[in-house]
């Protein structure tokens, strides 16, 4: 995964509960486990779902 540049959200808090997106985009990982599984996703659709509130508790 070294060919990817990972970016963490500016809204990330100190405990690291967030996801990171890769550049070139298309990969998502848990920032607490950077060596763990990586999800290949349609990032644009994922971000739309977040904005639409589909992941609210």
PDB file of N, CA and C in Angstrom:
ATOM      1  N   UNK A   1       0.808  -1.192   0.000  1.00  0.00           N
ATOM      2  CA  UNK A   1       0.000   0.000   0.000  1.00  0.00           C
ATOM      3  C   UNK A   1       0.855   1.262   0.000  1.00  0.00           C
ATOM      4  N   UNK A   2       2.161   1.138  -0.104  1.00  0.00           N
ATOM      5  CA  UNK A   2       3.038   2.294  -0.009  1.00  0.00           C
ATOM      6  C   UNK A   2       2.871   3.264  -1.182  1.00  0.00           C
ATOM      7  N   UNK A   3       2.289   2.833  -2.289  1.00  0.00           N
ATOM      8  CA  UNK A   3       2.100   3.708  -3.440  1.00  0.00           C
ATOM      9  C   UNK A   3       0.961   4.705  -3.211  1.00  0.00           C
ATOM     10  N   UNK A   4       0.270   4.573  -2.125  1.00  0.00           N
ATOM     11  CA  UNK A   4      -0.865   5.443  -1.835  1.00  0.00           C
ATOM     12  C   UNK A   4      -0.494   6.465  -0.773  1.00  0.00           C
ATOM     13  N   UNK A   5      -1.033   7.655  -0.924  1.00  0.00           N
ATOM     14  CA  UNK A   5      -0.907   8.689   0.098  1.00  0.00           C
ATOM     15  C   UNK A   5      -2.220   8.714   0.852  1.00  0.00           C
ATOM     16  N   UNK A   6      -2.149   8.478   2.163  1.00  0.00           N
ATOM     17  CA  UNK A   6      -3.359   8.400   2.979  1.00  0.00           C
ATOM     18  C   UNK A   6      -3.633   9.740   3.638  1.00  0.00           C
ATOM     19  N   UNK A   7      -4.918  10.131   3.657  1.00  0.00           N
ATOM     20  CA  UNK A   7      -5.339  11.390   4.270  1.00  0.00           C
ATOM     21  C   UNK A   7      -6.402  11.117   5.312  1.00  0.00           C
ATOM     22  N   UNK A   8      -6.195  11.671   6.488  1.00  0.00           N
ATOM     23  CA  UNK A   8      -7.161  11.542   7.575  1.00  0.00           C
ATOM     24  C   UNK A   8      -8.035  12.788   7.589  1.00  0.00           C
ATOM     25  N   UNK A   9      -9.267  12.616   7.953  1.00  0.00           N
ATOM     26  CA  UNK A   9     -10.205  13.730   8.025  1.00  0.00           C
ATOM     27  C   UNK A   9      -9.715  14.808   8.984  1.00  0.00           C
ATOM     28  N   UNK A  10      -9.941  16.052   8.631  1.00  0.00           N
ATOM     29  CA  UNK A  10      -9.607  17.153   9.530  1.00  0.00           C
ATOM     30  C   UNK A  10     -10.530  17.158  10.746  1.00  0.00           C
ATOM     31  N   UNK A  11     -11.636  16.424  10.681  1.00  0.00           N
ATOM     32  CA  UNK A  11     -12.564  16.310  11.797  1.00  0.00           C
ATOM     33  C   UNK A  11     -12.200  15.173  12.743  1.00  0.00           C
ATOM     34  N   UNK A  12     -11.118  14.485  12.466  1.00  0.00           N
ATOM     35  CA  UNK A  12     -10.688  13.365  13.298  1.00  0.00           C
ATOM     36  C   UNK A  12     -10.373  13.859  14.705  1.00  0.00           C
ATOM     37  N   UNK A  13     -10.763  13.059  15.690  1.00  0.00           N
ATOM     38  CA  UNK A  13     -10.463  13.455  17.066  1.00  0.00           C
ATOM     39  C   UNK A  13      -9.209  12.750  17.571  1.00  0.00           C
ATOM     40  N   UNK A  14      -8.784  13.076  18.759  1.00  0.00           N
ATOM     41  CA  UNK A  14      -7.519  12.583  19.313  1.00  0.00           C
ATOM     42  C   UNK A  14      -7.491  11.071  19.513  1.00  0.00           C
ATOM     43  N   UNK A  15      -8.642  10.422  19.700  1.00  0.00           N
ATOM     44  CA  UNK A  15      -8.632   8.978  19.932  1.00  0.00           C
ATOM     45  C   UNK A  15      -8.518   8.172  18.639  1.00  0.00           C
ATOM     46  N   UNK A  16      -8.486   8.840  17.488  1.00  0.00           N
ATOM     47  CA  UNK A  16      -8.234   8.158  16.222  1.00  0.00           C
ATOM     48  C   UNK A  16      -9.418   7.436  15.627  1.00  0.00           C
ATOM     49  N   UNK A  17     -10.624   7.705  16.085  1.00  0.00           N
ATOM     50  CA  UNK A  17     -11.810   7.047  15.536  1.00  0.00           C
ATOM     51  C   UNK A  17     -12.212   7.689  14.223  1.00  0.00           C
ATOM     52  N   UNK A  18     -11.574   7.290  13.145  1.00  0.00           N
ATOM     53  CA  UNK A  18     -11.924   7.832  11.843  1.00  0.00           C
ATOM     54  C   UNK A  18     -11.416   6.882  10.755  1.00  0.00           C
ATOM     55  N   UNK A  19     -11.707   7.241   9.550  1.00  0.00           N
ATOM     56  CA  UNK A  19     -11.199   6.498   8.409  1.00  0.00           C
ATOM     57  C   UNK A  19     -10.241   7.392   7.642  1.00  0.00           C
ATOM     58  N   UNK A  20      -9.421   6.758   6.814  1.00  0.00           N
ATOM     59  CA  UNK A  20      -8.506   7.484   5.954  1.00  0.00           C
ATOM     60  C   UNK A  20      -8.803   7.112   4.512  1.00  0.00           C
ATOM     61  N   UNK A  21      -8.660   8.078   3.613  1.00  0.00           N
ATOM     62  CA  UNK A  21      -8.856   7.856   2.184  1.00  0.00           C
ATOM     63  C   UNK A  21      -7.513   7.934   1.492  1.00  0.00           C
ATOM     64  N   UNK A  22      -7.334   7.105   0.465  1.00  0.00           N
ATOM     65  CA  UNK A  22      -6.069   7.116  -0.256  1.00  0.00           C
ATOM     66  C   UNK A  22      -6.136   8.005  -1.483  1.00  0.00           C
ATOM     67  N   UNK A  23      -4.958   8.439  -1.892  1.00  0.00           N
ATOM     68  CA  UNK A  23      -4.812   9.175  -3.133  1.00  0.00           C
ATOM     69  C   UNK A  23      -3.771   8.437  -3.950  1.00  0.00           C
ATOM     70  N   UNK A  24      -3.991   7.933  -5.124  1.00  0.00           N
ATOM     71  CA  UNK A  24      -5.237   8.103  -5.852  1.00  0.00           C
ATOM     72  C   UNK A  24      -6.401   7.458  -5.096  1.00  0.00           C
ATOM     73  N   UNK A  25      -7.514   8.140  -5.140  1.00  0.00           N
ATOM     74  CA  UNK A  25      -8.683   7.712  -4.356  1.00  0.00           C
ATOM     75  C   UNK A  25      -9.206   6.356  -4.786  1.00  0.00           C
ATOM     76  N   UNK A  26      -9.916   5.767  -3.872  1.00  0.00           N
ATOM     77  CA  UNK A  26     -10.518   4.485  -4.151  1.00  0.00           C
ATOM     78  C   UNK A  26     -10.303   3.472  -3.053  1.00  0.00           C
ATOM     79  N   UNK A  27      -9.475   3.811  -2.058  1.00  0.00           N
ATOM     80  CA  UNK A  27      -9.241   2.902  -0.945  1.00  0.00           C
ATOM     81  C   UNK A  27      -9.585   3.603   0.362  1.00  0.00           C
ATOM     82  N   UNK A  28     -10.126   2.835   1.298  1.00  0.00           N
ATOM     83  CA  UNK A  28     -10.503   3.350   2.611  1.00  0.00           C
ATOM     84  C   UNK A  28      -9.943   2.391   3.649  1.00  0.00           C
ATOM     85  N   UNK A  29      -9.413   2.936   4.745  1.00  0.00           N
ATOM     86  CA  UNK A  29      -8.929   2.090   5.841  1.00  0.00           C
ATOM     87  C   UNK A  29      -9.248   2.732   7.177  1.00  0.00           C
ATOM     88  N   UNK A  30      -9.210   1.924   8.216  1.00  0.00           N
ATOM     89  CA  UNK A  30      -9.426   2.376   9.589  1.00  0.00           C
ATOM     90  C   UNK A  30      -8.119   2.990  10.078  1.00  0.00           C
ATOM     91  N   UNK A  31      -8.157   4.221  10.544  1.00  0.00           N
ATOM     92  CA  UNK A  31      -6.925   4.887  10.973  1.00  0.00           C
ATOM     93  C   UNK A  31      -6.300   4.243  12.207  1.00  0.00           C
ATOM     94  N   UNK A  32      -7.093   3.520  13.008  1.00  0.00           N
ATOM     95  CA  UNK A  32      -6.546   2.843  14.188  1.00  0.00           C
ATOM     96  C   UNK A  32      -5.776   1.582  13.819  1.00  0.00           C
ATOM     97  N   UNK A  33      -5.990   1.068  12.614  1.00  0.00           N
ATOM     98  CA  UNK A  33      -5.355  -0.184  12.181  1.00  0.00           C
ATOM     99  C   UNK A  33      -4.851  -0.033  10.741  1.00  0.00           C
ATOM    100  N   UNK A  34      -3.826   0.803  10.527  1.00  0.00           N
ATOM    101  CA  UNK A  34      -3.373   1.066   9.163  1.00  0.00           C
ATOM    102  C   UNK A  34      -2.822  -0.150   8.430  1.00  0.00           C
ATOM    103  N   UNK A  35      -2.421  -1.177   9.160  1.00  0.00           N
ATOM    104  CA  UNK A  35      -1.920  -2.398   8.518  1.00  0.00           C
ATOM    105  C   UNK A  35      -3.031  -3.424   8.311  1.00  0.00           C
ATOM    106  N   UNK A  36      -4.225  -3.097   8.757  1.00  0.00           N
ATOM    107  CA  UNK A  36      -5.367  -4.001   8.652  1.00  0.00           C
ATOM    108  C   UNK A  36      -5.993  -3.984   7.268  1.00  0.00           C
ATOM    109  N   UNK A  37      -7.207  -4.487   7.170  1.00  0.00           N
ATOM    110  CA  UNK A  37      -7.877  -4.589   5.865  1.00  0.00           C
ATOM    111  C   UNK A  37      -8.145  -3.228   5.243  1.00  0.00           C
ATOM    112  N   UNK A  38      -8.118  -3.211   3.931  1.00  0.00           N
ATOM    113  CA  UNK A  38      -8.384  -2.003   3.148  1.00  0.00           C
ATOM    114  C   UNK A  38      -9.603  -2.271   2.292  1.00  0.00           C
ATOM    115  N   UNK A  39     -10.488  -1.316   2.244  1.00  0.00           N
ATOM    116  CA  UNK A  39     -11.720  -1.434   1.477  1.00  0.00           C
ATOM    117  C   UNK A  39     -11.577  -0.660   0.181  1.00  0.00           C
ATOM    118  N   UNK A  40     -11.817  -1.316  -0.937  1.00  0.00           N
ATOM    119  CA  UNK A  40     -11.865  -0.617  -2.221  1.00  0.00           C
ATOM    120  C   UNK A  40     -13.319  -0.228  -2.419  1.00  0.00           C
ATOM    121  N   UNK A  41     -13.556   1.056  -2.589  1.00  0.00           N
ATOM    122  CA  UNK A  41     -14.942   1.525  -2.607  1.00  0.00           C
ATOM    123  C   UNK A  41     -15.133   2.645  -3.612  1.00  0.00           C
ATOM    124  N   UNK A  42     -16.374   2.880  -3.907  1.00  0.00           N
ATOM    125  CA  UNK A  42     -16.748   4.041  -4.688  1.00  0.00           C
ATOM    126  C   UNK A  42     -16.808   5.198  -3.697  1.00  0.00           C
ATOM    127  N   UNK A  43     -15.719   5.927  -3.586  1.00  0.00           N
ATOM    128  CA  UNK A  43     -15.597   6.953  -2.565  1.00  0.00           C
ATOM    129  C   UNK A  43     -16.643   8.045  -2.732  1.00  0.00           C
ATOM    130  N   UNK A  44     -16.930   8.420  -3.960  1.00  0.00           N
ATOM    131  CA  UNK A  44     -17.938   9.462  -4.183  1.00  0.00           C
ATOM    132  C   UNK A  44     -19.292   9.022  -3.628  1.00  0.00           C
ATOM    133  N   UNK A  45     -19.680   7.774  -3.861  1.00  0.00           N
ATOM    134  CA  UNK A  45     -20.951   7.269  -3.335  1.00  0.00           C
ATOM    135  C   UNK A  45     -20.914   7.187  -1.808  1.00  0.00           C
ATOM    136  N   UNK A  46     -19.779   6.798  -1.267  1.00  0.00           N
ATOM    137  CA  UNK A  46     -19.610   6.719   0.183  1.00  0.00           C
ATOM    138  C   UNK A  46     -19.781   8.101   0.817  1.00  0.00           C
ATOM    139  N   UNK A  47     -19.144   9.113   0.249  1.00  0.00           N
ATOM    140  CA  UNK A  47     -19.251  10.466   0.782  1.00  0.00           C
ATOM    141  C   UNK A  47     -20.670  11.017   0.658  1.00  0.00           C
ATOM    142  N   UNK A  48     -21.349  10.695  -0.439  1.00  0.00           N
ATOM    143  CA  UNK A  48     -22.756  11.112  -0.585  1.00  0.00           C
ATOM    144  C   UNK A  48     -23.614  10.488   0.503  1.00  0.00           C
ATOM    145  N   UNK A  49     -23.380   9.211   0.800  1.00  0.00           N
ATOM    146  CA  UNK A  49     -24.156   8.519   1.832  1.00  0.00           C
ATOM    147  C   UNK A  49     -23.928   9.152   3.200  1.00  0.00           C
ATOM    148  N   UNK A  50     -22.699   9.557   3.479  1.00  0.00           N
ATOM    149  CA  UNK A  50     -22.410  10.227   4.747  1.00  0.00           C
ATOM    150  C   UNK A  50     -23.171  11.546   4.813  1.00  0.00           C
ATOM    151  N   UNK A  51     -23.085  12.336   3.751  1.00  0.00           N
ATOM    152  CA  UNK A  51     -23.771  13.631   3.719  1.00  0.00           C
ATOM    153  C   UNK A  51     -25.277  13.481   3.820  1.00  0.00           C
ATOM    154  N   UNK A  52     -25.814  12.380   3.287  1.00  0.00           N
ATOM    155  CA  UNK A  52     -27.262  12.120   3.342  1.00  0.00           C
ATOM    156  C   UNK A  52     -27.703  11.602   4.715  1.00  0.00           C
ATOM    157  N   UNK A  53     -26.746  11.340   5.623  1.00  0.00           N
ATOM    158  CA  UNK A  53     -27.073  10.890   6.967  1.00  0.00           C
ATOM    159  C   UNK A  53     -27.380   9.409   7.072  1.00  0.00           C
ATOM    160  N   UNK A  54     -26.946   8.618   6.132  1.00  0.00           N
ATOM    161  CA  UNK A  54     -27.248   7.186   6.154  1.00  0.00           C
ATOM    162  C   UNK A  54     -26.487   6.418   7.226  1.00  0.00           C
ATOM    163  N   UNK A  55     -25.486   7.029   7.843  1.00  0.00           N
ATOM    164  CA  UNK A  55     -24.686   6.340   8.855  1.00  0.00           C
ATOM    165  C   UNK A  55     -24.904   6.914  10.241  1.00  0.00           C
ATOM    166  N   UNK A  56     -25.939   7.696  10.404  1.00  0.00           N
ATOM    167  CA  UNK A  56     -26.225   8.276  11.717  1.00  0.00           C
ATOM    168  C   UNK A  56     -26.721   7.181  12.659  1.00  0.00           C
ATOM    169  N   UNK A  57     -26.437   7.353  13.932  1.00  0.00           N
ATOM    170  CA  UNK A  57     -26.881   6.377  14.933  1.00  0.00           C
ATOM    171  C   UNK A  57     -28.303   6.626  15.302  1.00  0.00           C
TER     172      UNK A  57
END
